[in-house]
Amino acid sequence: MVVLRALLATPSIRHVPSDEVVPTLVDGISKRLKRRIEITAAPLPQRISAAWTSTVSIEFIEYSHSVPPAAALLGILHEIGHILCGHGTQVEAQHSNLTALAPSLSPELSARLLRRTSSQIVLSTREEAEAELYARIIYRRILRAYAIECASPGSRAFNLAATPWND
């Protein structure tokens, strides 16, 4: 049920050019949640394709620049799945506690501090499965849209590695 609600909250990508899919998803989800989502490349530990941190007003998704682009995209979608499924309440509680203890901290600094401690927060297996299911369903939609785009006369080549995920 949680994944279905997340899918229903996801903007349509049916007629979106492949190189605009992720920005379209992020923009639509940001508007729906009334929260900014920032996606940036970062040096993440080996075997981690993406990570998510939240502040009061911004969702930060970092993806590894050392994994293949398809793995980075799946990682980004997985983290978006966590956001839309309402996971990470422990992180939000930590942020509230940190803000209460040090109200002068900027949201950006608070997020950096939480990022350092977020490895101690373990999401449940159910939450990981929900985020992964969401990511794989959206990834299939993207691949289907790409296949249709490539089959169209005069289509432009799709280069996932050159896709700008964040302006």
Foldseek 3Di string as FASTA:
>chain_A
DLLVQLVVQFDDCQPPPLLCVLVNRQVSNCVVVVAHEAEEEDADPPPQQWDWADAPGYIYIYGHPPDPLLSNQLNVQLVSQCVSSVHDVVRHVVNVVVCVVPVVDDRVVSRVVSVVVCVVPDDDPVSSVSSNVRSVVVSVSSVVSQVVQVPDPPHDDDDSNPRDNGD
